[in-house]
Amino acid sequence: EYLRQIGALDDAGGVKPQVRIANYLMGPSNCIASSSYFSVCCLSECEGLMRELEQKIRAPTASAEQLIGLVSNMSSASVEAPRDLPETLVDKLWAITDRHNGKVPLHARLFAQWMHFVFPSECPYPHAVEDPAVLRPSHWSGQRRATATDEERKRCISEFALQPEAALGEPLLSQWDDLEVLLLEDLPLRGHKLFWTLLRHGAMAFAFLSTLLAGLRALVRLPCCGNRAQKEERSVLPVSS
């Protein structure tokens, strides 16, 4: 139950359940300390890969050609580069661009899923959890169990040994989920939403220009007012008693 809730259990594809190693390593059971402010957990090797992409792209989105060129030359502890990406993964990346006007959002669920299939041992599968609390170590303290007994471990090992070799290895693309979650990029606006957005920005620009023109007029009038005051002062004749 714990593995299933945190997204570490792969029980799809018509094969016996398998554990997603990257998700298991990033699970709350591997956090050695936690508080209400932070948790000390395992480092994610996928963050290093994403950091490398961010440094080279320097933008929230990228084209499919750019990503294919960069990712095919990226190596990790389990992947050697350069390599040719499978055609099925290339097609999946192009399908993502079709949904986002020719670009791939780097900080979105579909690209995270694509990275999982490219680097299955480093990047966790972006499992959509119903309750984010299951990813916190405090959720599994007390009566909730995040560990297995010796009997449960032996049973899993024996069942895994009987599993066909064809079901082992890299994750199957049949498990691909088209659910998208955008974290840092807004959905494209259409119809009346786009109209009201343009109208709001136009009103803000008009207010800014009005304020700017009023300030310029005030600056232009200052020298004139000073000269007028000097003329009036000179026109006043002294009165002798």
Protein backbone atom coordinates (compact mmCIF):
# COMPACT_ATOMS: atom_id res chain seq x y z
CA GLU A 1 0.00 0.00 0.00
CA TYR A 2 2.84 2.38 0.83
CA LEU A 3 4.60 1.76 -2.50
CA ARG A 4 1.37 2.22 -4.42
CA GLN A 5 0.47 5.53 -2.75
CA ILE A 6 3.87 7.16 -3.30
CA GLY A 7 3.97 6.02 -6.95
CA ALA A 8 6.80 3.50 -6.49
CA LEU A 9 4.72 0.45 -7.44
CA ASP A 10 4.37 -0.35 -11.12
CA ASP A 11 1.48 -2.78 -11.46
CA ALA A 12 0.41 -1.87 -15.01
CA GLY A 13 1.23 -3.44 -18.34
CA GLY A 14 -0.11 -6.92 -17.57
CA VAL A 15 2.98 -7.99 -15.60
CA LYS A 16 3.57 -8.69 -11.95
CA PRO A 17 4.10 -5.59 -9.78
CA GLN A 18 7.56 -4.06 -9.92
CA VAL A 19 9.17 -1.32 -7.87
CA ARG A 20 10.23 1.91 -9.55
CA ILE A 21 13.69 2.33 -8.04
CA ALA A 22 13.87 6.11 -8.54
CA ASN A 23 10.49 6.63 -6.85
CA TYR A 24 11.39 4.30 -4.00
CA LEU A 25 14.67 6.11 -3.30
CA MET A 26 12.85 9.45 -3.21
CA GLY A 27 10.10 8.06 -0.96
CA PRO A 28 9.49 9.38 2.55
CA SER A 29 10.63 6.09 4.14
CA ASN A 30 14.21 6.95 3.14
CA CYS A 31 14.22 10.29 4.96
CA ILE A 32 16.46 10.09 8.02
CA ALA A 33 15.17 13.25 9.72
CA SER A 34 12.27 15.63 9.31
CA SER A 35 10.55 18.55 10.97
CA SER A 36 7.72 20.93 10.17
CA TYR A 37 10.11 22.96 7.98
CA PHE A 38 12.32 20.43 6.17
CA SER A 39 13.16 16.76 5.62
CA VAL A 40 16.60 15.16 5.13
CA CYS A 41 16.09 12.68 2.30
CA CYS A 42 18.03 11.05 -0.52
CA LEU A 43 19.41 13.25 -3.26
CA SER A 44 17.69 13.02 -6.63
CA GLU A 45 20.04 12.27 -9.51
CA CYS A 46 17.36 13.61 -11.84
CA GLU A 47 17.80 17.09 -10.38
CA GLY A 48 21.38 17.09 -11.66
CA LEU A 49 20.17 16.18 -15.14
CA MET A 50 17.49 18.87 -15.04
CA ARG A 51 20.01 21.42 -13.79
CA GLU A 52 22.24 20.62 -16.75
CA LEU A 53 19.34 21.16 -19.14
CA GLU A 54 18.35 24.44 -17.46
CA GLN A 55 21.90 25.80 -17.71
CA LYS A 56 22.07 25.04 -21.43
CA ILE A 57 18.53 26.10 -22.39
CA ARG A 58 18.07 29.12 -20.05
CA ALA A 59 14.34 29.24 -20.76
CA PRO A 60 11.18 27.63 -19.35
CA THR A 61 10.45 25.92 -22.67
CA ALA A 62 12.45 24.35 -25.47
CA SER A 63 11.91 22.86 -28.89
CA ALA A 64 11.89 19.12 -29.50
CA GLU A 65 15.00 19.34 -31.70
CA GLN A 66 16.97 21.12 -28.99
CA LEU A 67 15.94 18.65 -26.29
CA ILE A 68 16.73 15.62 -28.43
CA GLY A 69 20.18 17.00 -29.21
CA LEU A 70 20.94 17.75 -25.57
CA VAL A 71 19.45 14.68 -23.91
CA SER A 72 21.03 12.24 -26.36
CA ASN A 73 24.43 13.56 -25.26
CA MET A 74 23.73 13.43 -21.51
CA SER A 75 25.10 10.56 -19.44
CA SER A 76 24.31 9.29 -15.95
CA ALA A 77 25.35 6.49 -13.62
CA SER A 78 23.33 3.99 -15.67
CA VAL A 79 23.28 5.60 -19.13
CA GLU A 80 26.23 6.18 -21.46
CA ALA A 81 26.29 9.00 -24.00
CA PRO A 82 26.10 9.74 -26.84
CA ARG A 83 23.21 7.50 -27.83
CA ASP A 84 20.27 7.37 -30.21
CA LEU A 85 16.96 7.82 -28.42
CA PRO A 86 14.25 5.27 -29.28
CA GLU A 87 11.91 6.43 -32.00
CA THR A 88 8.91 5.91 -29.73
CA LEU A 89 10.33 8.38 -27.18
CA VAL A 90 11.09 10.90 -29.93
CA ASP A 91 7.48 10.63 -31.10
CA LYS A 92 6.25 11.20 -27.54
CA LEU A 93 8.33 14.38 -27.29
CA TRP A 94 6.88 15.69 -30.55
CA ALA A 95 3.40 14.92 -29.23
CA ILE A 96 4.13 17.13 -26.23
CA THR A 97 5.07 20.02 -28.53
CA ASP A 98 1.76 19.61 -30.37
CA ARG A 99 -0.07 20.30 -27.09
CA HIS A 100 1.99 23.40 -26.25
CA ASN A 101 2.27 25.39 -29.48
CA GLY A 102 5.52 23.83 -30.66
CA LYS A 103 7.38 23.99 -27.33
CA VAL A 104 8.02 21.60 -24.45
CA PRO A 105 7.52 23.05 -20.93
CA LEU A 106 10.47 21.83 -18.90
CA HIS A 107 8.71 22.02 -15.53
CA ALA A 108 5.58 20.05 -16.37
CA ARG A 109 4.39 16.52 -15.79
CA LEU A 110 4.64 15.21 -19.36
CA PHE A 111 8.30 16.19 -19.73
CA ALA A 112 9.05 14.72 -16.29
CA GLN A 113 7.42 11.50 -17.48
CA TRP A 114 9.47 11.61 -20.68
CA MET A 115 12.66 12.02 -18.62
CA HIS A 116 11.64 8.99 -16.54
CA PHE A 117 11.51 6.80 -19.63
CA VAL A 118 14.81 8.22 -20.89
CA PHE A 119 16.54 7.86 -17.48
CA PRO A 120 14.43 5.23 -15.64
CA SER A 121 16.97 4.69 -12.85
CA GLU A 122 17.49 8.39 -12.12
CA CYS A 123 14.23 10.24 -12.77
CA PRO A 124 11.15 9.21 -10.79
CA TYR A 125 7.83 8.55 -12.48
CA PRO A 126 5.58 11.62 -11.93
CA HIS A 127 2.80 9.81 -10.12
CA ALA A 128 -0.30 11.98 -9.60
CA VAL A 129 -1.08 11.50 -5.91
CA GLU A 130 -4.54 12.25 -4.54
CA ASP A 131 -3.17 13.55 -1.25
CA PRO A 132 0.28 15.25 -1.25
CA ALA A 133 0.57 14.41 2.45
CA VAL A 134 1.59 10.82 1.57
CA LEU A 135 4.94 12.19 0.38
CA ARG A 136 5.79 13.56 3.83
CA PRO A 137 7.57 11.33 6.38
CA SER A 138 5.23 12.51 9.15
CA HIS A 139 2.28 10.95 7.30
CA TRP A 140 3.72 7.46 7.77
CA SER A 141 4.67 7.79 11.43
CA GLY A 142 2.60 6.03 14.06
CA GLN A 143 0.20 3.32 12.91
CA ARG A 144 0.87 3.71 9.18
CA ARG A 145 3.55 1.25 8.06
CA ALA A 146 6.25 2.22 5.58
CA THR A 147 8.36 -0.92 6.09
CA ALA A 148 7.86 -4.58 5.25
CA THR A 149 8.25 -7.55 7.54
CA ASP A 150 10.77 -10.33 6.86
CA GLU A 151 7.98 -12.62 5.67
CA GLU A 152 6.69 -10.01 3.22
CA ARG A 153 10.18 -9.45 1.84
CA LYS A 154 10.78 -13.17 1.30
CA ARG A 155 7.44 -13.55 -0.45
CA CYS A 156 8.17 -10.63 -2.80
CA ILE A 157 11.63 -11.99 -3.63
CA SER A 158 10.25 -15.44 -4.43
CA GLU A 159 7.50 -13.98 -6.64
CA PHE A 160 10.00 -11.74 -8.42
CA ALA A 161 12.26 -14.72 -9.16
CA LEU A 162 9.40 -16.42 -11.03
CA GLN A 163 8.75 -13.37 -13.18
CA PRO A 164 9.60 -13.69 -16.90
CA GLU A 165 12.76 -11.88 -17.98
CA ALA A 166 10.88 -10.14 -20.77
CA ALA A 167 8.98 -8.13 -18.18
CA LEU A 168 12.14 -6.85 -16.52
CA GLY A 169 14.36 -3.97 -17.52
CA GLU A 170 13.30 -0.62 -18.94
CA PRO A 171 9.74 0.64 -18.32
CA LEU A 172 7.18 0.00 -21.01
CA LEU A 173 5.71 2.90 -22.97
CA SER A 174 2.33 1.25 -22.59
CA GLN A 175 2.36 2.83 -19.12
CA TRP A 176 2.49 6.33 -20.63
CA ASP A 177 -0.15 8.66 -19.20
CA ASP A 178 -1.21 11.76 -21.19
CA LEU A 179 -2.24 13.65 -18.06
CA GLU A 180 -0.54 17.06 -18.06
CA VAL A 181 0.17 19.31 -15.09
CA LEU A 182 1.74 22.72 -15.77
CA LEU A 183 3.74 24.05 -12.83
CA LEU A 184 5.30 27.28 -14.07
CA GLU A 185 3.58 28.07 -17.35
CA ASP A 186 0.03 29.30 -17.87
CA LEU A 187 -2.39 27.52 -20.14
CA PRO A 188 -2.91 29.22 -23.51
CA LEU A 189 -5.72 31.76 -23.37
CA ARG A 190 -8.46 31.60 -25.98
CA GLY A 191 -11.60 33.47 -26.86
CA HIS A 192 -13.06 35.86 -24.30
CA LYS A 193 -10.28 35.11 -21.79
CA LEU A 194 -7.70 36.47 -24.22
CA PHE A 195 -9.88 39.53 -24.92
CA TRP A 196 -10.25 40.43 -21.25
CA THR A 197 -6.54 39.89 -20.64
CA LEU A 198 -5.62 42.28 -23.46
CA LEU A 199 -8.18 44.78 -22.22
CA ARG A 200 -6.78 44.66 -18.69
CA HIS A 201 -3.22 45.17 -19.89
CA GLY A 202 -4.37 48.02 -22.14
CA ALA A 203 -6.03 49.77 -19.22
CA MET A 204 -2.89 49.41 -17.13
CA ALA A 205 -0.77 50.88 -19.95
CA PHE A 206 -3.21 53.80 -20.37
CA ALA A 207 -3.08 54.58 -16.64
CA PHE A 208 0.72 54.50 -16.69
CA LEU A 209 0.93 56.84 -19.70
CA SER A 210 -1.57 59.25 -18.13
CA THR A 211 0.51 59.44 -14.96
CA LEU A 212 3.67 59.95 -16.98
CA LEU A 213 2.16 62.79 -19.05
CA ALA A 214 0.85 64.49 -15.92
CA GLY A 215 4.33 64.42 -14.42
CA LEU A 216 5.90 65.83 -17.59
CA ARG A 217 3.39 68.68 -17.67
CA ALA A 218 4.20 69.55 -14.07
CA LEU A 219 7.91 69.68 -14.88
CA VAL A 220 7.32 71.93 -17.90
CA ARG A 221 5.23 74.37 -15.88
CA LEU A 222 7.77 74.84 -13.10
CA PRO A 223 10.15 77.26 -14.94
CA CYS A 224 7.19 79.27 -16.25
CA CYS A 225 5.74 79.67 -12.80
CA GLY A 226 9.14 80.75 -11.46
CA ASN A 227 9.54 83.43 -14.17
CA ARG A 228 6.00 84.69 -13.59
CA ALA A 229 6.66 85.03 -9.87
CA GLN A 230 9.85 87.00 -10.55
CA LYS A 231 8.00 89.39 -12.93
CA GLU A 232 5.28 90.03 -10.38
CA GLU A 233 7.89 90.74 -7.70
CA ARG A 234 9.65 93.28 -9.96
CA SER A 235 6.39 95.05 -10.85
CA VAL A 236 5.65 95.94 -7.24
CA LEU A 237 6.86 99.49 -6.48
CA PRO A 238 8.22 100.30 -3.05
CA VAL A 239 5.95 102.53 -1.00
CA SER A 240 7.64 105.27 1.02
CA SER A 241 6.17 106.46 4.27
